[in-house]
C-alpha atoms as a PDB file:
ATOM      1  CA  UNK A   1       0.000   0.000   0.000  1.00  0.00           C
ATOM      2  CA  UNK A   2       1.335   3.411  -0.963  1.00  0.00           C
ATOM      3  CA  UNK A   3       1.692   5.903   1.875  1.00  0.00           C
ATOM      4  CA  UNK A   4      -0.758   8.773   2.217  1.00  0.00           C
ATOM      5  CA  UNK A   5       1.149  12.001   1.612  1.00  0.00           C
ATOM      6  CA  UNK A   6       0.292  14.852   3.970  1.00  0.00           C
ATOM      7  CA  UNK A   7       1.721  18.170   2.777  1.00  0.00           C
ATOM      8  CA  UNK A   8       1.564  20.872   5.436  1.00  0.00           C
ATOM      9  CA  UNK A   9       2.046  24.445   4.257  1.00  0.00           C
ATOM     10  CA  UNK A  10       4.654  26.270   6.291  1.00  0.00           C
ATOM     11  CA  UNK A  11       4.389  29.572   4.424  1.00  0.00           C
ATOM     12  CA  UNK A  12       4.117  32.691   6.560  1.00  0.00           C
ATOM     13  CA  UNK A  13       0.319  32.993   6.505  1.00  0.00           C
ATOM     14  CA  UNK A  14      -0.311  29.297   7.107  1.00  0.00           C
ATOM     15  CA  UNK A  15       2.404  29.107   9.768  1.00  0.00           C
ATOM     16  CA  UNK A  16       0.936  32.045  11.708  1.00  0.00           C
ATOM     17  CA  UNK A  17      -2.644  30.789  11.352  1.00  0.00           C
ATOM     18  CA  UNK A  18      -1.930  27.320  12.752  1.00  0.00           C
ATOM     19  CA  UNK A  19       0.345  25.453  10.365  1.00  0.00           C
ATOM     20  CA  UNK A  20       3.075  25.335  12.991  1.00  0.00           C
ATOM     21  CA  UNK A  21       0.752  23.578  15.436  1.00  0.00           C
ATOM     22  CA  UNK A  22      -0.400  21.111  12.797  1.00  0.00           C
ATOM     23  CA  UNK A  23       3.201  20.257  11.951  1.00  0.00           C
ATOM     24  CA  UNK A  24       4.100  19.715  15.615  1.00  0.00           C
ATOM     25  CA  UNK A  25       1.115  17.519  16.409  1.00  0.00           C
ATOM     26  CA  UNK A  26       1.359  15.574  13.145  1.00  0.00           C
ATOM     27  CA  UNK A  27       4.609  14.124  14.492  1.00  0.00           C
ATOM     28  CA  UNK A  28       2.471  12.215  17.012  1.00  0.00           C
ATOM     29  CA  UNK A  29       0.236  10.978  14.209  1.00  0.00           C
ATOM     30  CA  UNK A  30       3.325   9.808  12.349  1.00  0.00           C
ATOM     31  CA  UNK A  31       4.113   7.502  15.275  1.00  0.00           C
ATOM     32  CA  UNK A  32       0.609   6.016  15.157  1.00  0.00           C
ATOM     33  CA  UNK A  33       0.566   5.549  11.380  1.00  0.00           C
ATOM     34  CA  UNK A  34       4.309   5.412  10.705  1.00  0.00           C
ATOM     35  CA  UNK A  35       4.045   2.880   7.893  1.00  0.00           C
ATOM     36  CA  UNK A  36       0.918   4.438   6.347  1.00  0.00           C
ATOM     37  CA  UNK A  37       1.527   8.195   6.096  1.00  0.00           C
ATOM     38  CA  UNK A  38       4.305  10.519   5.093  1.00  0.00           C
ATOM     39  CA  UNK A  39       4.367  14.041   6.563  1.00  0.00           C
ATOM     40  CA  UNK A  40       5.855  16.588   4.185  1.00  0.00           C
ATOM     41  CA  UNK A  41       6.330  20.155   5.423  1.00  0.00           C
ATOM     42  CA  UNK A  42       6.208  22.421   2.369  1.00  0.00           C
ATOM     43  CA  UNK A  43       7.589  25.948   2.219  1.00  0.00           C
ATOM     44  CA  UNK A  44       4.402  27.187   0.536  1.00  0.00           C
ATOM     45  CA  UNK A  45       1.551  25.476  -1.315  1.00  0.00           C
ATOM     46  CA  UNK A  46       0.740  28.721  -3.218  1.00  0.00           C
ATOM     47  CA  UNK A  47      -2.979  28.266  -2.451  1.00  0.00           C
ATOM     48  CA  UNK A  48      -3.461  31.691  -0.838  1.00  0.00           C
ATOM     49  CA  UNK A  49      -2.012  33.440  -3.857  1.00  0.00           C
ATOM     50  CA  UNK A  50      -4.126  31.530  -6.353  1.00  0.00           C
ATOM     51  CA  UNK A  51      -7.441  32.097  -4.624  1.00  0.00           C
ATOM     52  CA  UNK A  52      -6.671  35.272  -2.642  1.00  0.00           C
ATOM     53  CA  UNK A  53      -8.048  33.363   0.343  1.00  0.00           C
ATOM     54  CA  UNK A  54      -5.680  34.120   3.187  1.00  0.00           C
ATOM     55  CA  UNK A  55      -8.528  33.737   5.694  1.00  0.00           C
ATOM     56  CA  UNK A  56      -8.837  30.027   4.869  1.00  0.00           C
ATOM     57  CA  UNK A  57      -5.266  29.256   5.993  1.00  0.00           C
ATOM     58  CA  UNK A  58      -3.676  27.029   7.102  1.00  0.00           C
ATOM     59  CA  UNK A  59      -3.747  24.684   4.129  1.00  0.00           C
ATOM     60  CA  UNK A  60      -2.878  20.998   4.027  1.00  0.00           C
ATOM     61  CA  UNK A  61      -2.997  18.513   1.174  1.00  0.00           C
ATOM     62  CA  UNK A  62      -3.880  14.931   2.073  1.00  0.00           C
ATOM     63  CA  UNK A  63      -2.896  13.149  -1.116  1.00  0.00           C
ATOM     64  CA  UNK A  64      -4.768  15.225  -3.716  1.00  0.00           C
ATOM     65  CA  UNK A  65      -7.426  16.642  -1.379  1.00  0.00           C
ATOM     66  CA  UNK A  66      -6.973  20.223  -0.211  1.00  0.00           C
ATOM     67  CA  UNK A  67      -7.997  20.968   3.368  1.00  0.00           C
ATOM     68  CA  UNK A  68      -8.569  24.660   4.028  1.00  0.00           C
ATOM     69  CA  UNK A  69      -8.795  26.136   7.506  1.00  0.00           C
ATOM     70  CA  UNK A  70      -6.975  22.944   8.454  1.00  0.00           C
ATOM     71  CA  UNK A  71      -6.968  21.597  11.966  1.00  0.00           C
ATOM     72  CA  UNK A  72      -5.579  18.447  13.527  1.00  0.00           C
ATOM     73  CA  UNK A  73      -9.115  17.063  13.747  1.00  0.00           C
ATOM     74  CA  UNK A  74      -9.903  17.706  10.060  1.00  0.00           C
ATOM     75  CA  UNK A  75      -6.623  16.273   8.825  1.00  0.00           C
ATOM     76  CA  UNK A  76      -6.769  13.229  11.123  1.00  0.00           C
ATOM     77  CA  UNK A  77     -10.351  12.504  10.106  1.00  0.00           C
ATOM     78  CA  UNK A  78      -9.479  12.638   6.412  1.00  0.00           C
ATOM     79  CA  UNK A  79      -6.446  10.381   6.916  1.00  0.00           C
ATOM     80  CA  UNK A  80      -8.494   7.853   8.853  1.00  0.00           C
ATOM     81  CA  UNK A  81     -11.241   7.809   6.220  1.00  0.00           C
ATOM     82  CA  UNK A  82      -8.640   7.197   3.498  1.00  0.00           C
ATOM     83  CA  UNK A  83      -7.089   4.374   5.523  1.00  0.00           C
ATOM     84  CA  UNK A  84     -10.478   2.644   5.819  1.00  0.00           C
ATOM     85  CA  UNK A  85     -10.889   2.443   2.031  1.00  0.00           C
END
């Protein structure tokens, strides 16, 4: 089974609006799902610039699905639903 790729934006806006917390807590999730997910901190996902939607930060991609206004709960829920498929 291919690992689920979780890309966490660490750009300034996302970092300030919660991306730093998501990155820190995702390390715990990596322990739980070590062989099933790959956490990838990304300098910037360029989503804010494309949509002019800074208020929806932080952004996270779980495989190809964009999560706006991302939280640990949202990201964990999406990962768990993908793992059940």
